[in-house]
Amino acid sequence: SDGSRLYCARQHWLTHVDTSILAYHLVENRGALMKRNIGLSQRRSAKEALQVEILKGIGSGKATPMTDKDWYTLRAEVVKRHAERKKHIQTP
């Protein structure tokens, strides 16, 4: 019937319009999409690296309490890494 053909034509047109709009937005936003994908990839890599480090820590032997010296050494390492990272970021 004419009603069903009209419905099919309308659905086809809407699908085409939706696809065209999606394609337009993908092209217009490709830079943002690429940055997002890179960010997701970097986060995934960081998460995997953290999991490896956690497993290494778990498998490294019996846990021992942190001493004052351990805390001092840890803080000093954090300050050193922060300064290196800050210097690296500021360097053009």
Protein backbone atom coordinates (compact mmCIF):
# COMPACT_ATOMS: atom_id res chain seq x y z
CA SER A 1 0.00 0.00 0.00
CA ASP A 2 1.00 3.62 -0.38
CA GLY A 3 1.14 4.04 3.40
CA SER A 4 3.75 1.29 3.86
CA ARG A 5 5.82 2.54 0.90
CA LEU A 6 5.72 6.03 2.35
CA TYR A 7 6.78 4.64 5.75
CA CYS A 8 9.67 2.71 4.14
CA ALA A 9 10.76 5.77 2.17
CA ARG A 10 10.63 7.88 5.33
CA GLN A 11 12.69 5.34 7.29
CA HIS A 12 15.25 5.14 4.47
CA TRP A 13 15.50 8.94 4.36
CA LEU A 14 15.85 9.18 8.15
CA THR A 15 18.58 6.53 8.12
CA HIS A 16 20.40 8.40 5.36
CA VAL A 17 20.06 11.71 7.22
CA ASP A 18 21.26 10.13 10.48
CA THR A 19 24.24 8.61 8.69
CA SER A 20 25.04 11.91 6.98
CA ILE A 21 24.85 13.80 10.27
CA LEU A 22 27.04 11.22 11.99
CA ALA A 23 29.59 11.36 9.16
CA TYR A 24 29.65 15.16 9.33
CA HIS A 25 30.23 15.14 13.08
CA LEU A 26 32.91 12.48 12.80
CA VAL A 27 34.78 14.55 10.21
CA GLU A 28 34.33 17.80 12.14
CA ASN A 29 35.41 16.24 15.44
CA ARG A 30 38.08 13.83 14.24
CA GLY A 31 40.81 15.67 16.16
CA ALA A 32 38.90 15.43 19.41
CA LEU A 33 38.08 11.79 18.72
CA MET A 34 41.73 10.98 18.02
CA LYS A 35 42.81 12.72 21.24
CA ARG A 36 40.16 10.82 23.16
CA ASN A 37 41.27 7.49 21.66
CA ILE A 38 44.91 8.29 22.43
CA GLY A 39 43.91 9.22 25.97
CA LEU A 40 42.00 5.96 26.38
CA SER A 41 44.97 4.02 25.04
CA GLN A 42 47.38 5.78 27.40
CA ARG A 43 45.08 5.19 30.38
CA ARG A 44 44.75 1.52 29.43
CA SER A 45 48.55 1.22 29.20
CA ALA A 46 49.00 2.99 32.53
CA LYS A 47 46.42 0.72 34.16
CA GLU A 48 48.18 -2.37 32.80
CA ALA A 49 51.55 -1.08 34.03
CA LEU A 50 50.07 -0.43 37.47
CA GLN A 51 48.62 -3.94 37.59
CA VAL A 52 52.05 -5.38 36.74
CA GLU A 53 53.67 -3.32 39.52
CA ILE A 54 51.01 -4.40 42.02
CA LEU A 55 51.55 -8.05 41.13
CA LYS A 56 55.32 -7.61 41.45
CA GLY A 57 54.78 -6.10 44.89
CA ILE A 58 52.49 -8.91 45.96
CA GLY A 59 55.00 -11.50 44.78
CA SER A 60 58.03 -9.76 46.31
CA GLY A 61 57.81 -11.47 49.67
CA LYS A 62 56.46 -10.90 53.13
CA ALA A 63 55.15 -7.41 53.90
CA THR A 64 57.07 -5.35 56.42
CA PRO A 65 56.03 -2.19 58.26
CA MET A 66 57.21 1.14 56.81
CA THR A 67 59.94 2.78 58.86
CA ASP A 68 60.59 6.51 59.16
CA LYS A 69 63.54 6.02 56.79
CA ASP A 70 61.27 4.26 54.26
CA TRP A 71 58.80 7.18 54.35
CA TYR A 72 61.62 9.71 54.00
CA THR A 73 63.06 7.84 51.00
CA LEU A 74 59.63 7.56 49.39
CA ARG A 75 58.90 11.28 49.86
CA ALA A 76 62.32 12.23 48.48
CA GLU A 77 61.70 10.10 45.38
CA VAL A 78 58.29 11.70 44.82
CA VAL A 79 59.75 15.21 45.13
CA LYS A 80 62.58 14.30 42.71
CA ARG A 81 60.18 12.83 40.12
CA HIS A 82 57.84 15.81 40.43
CA ALA A 83 60.70 18.26 39.84
CA GLU A 84 61.89 16.26 36.80
CA ARG A 85 58.39 16.09 35.34
CA LYS A 86 57.81 19.81 35.97
CA LYS A 87 61.13 20.66 34.27
CA HIS A 88 60.29 18.40 31.33
CA ILE A 89 56.86 19.98 30.87
CA GLN A 90 58.22 23.53 31.01
CA THR A 91 60.92 22.83 28.41
CA PRO A 92 59.61 23.68 24.93
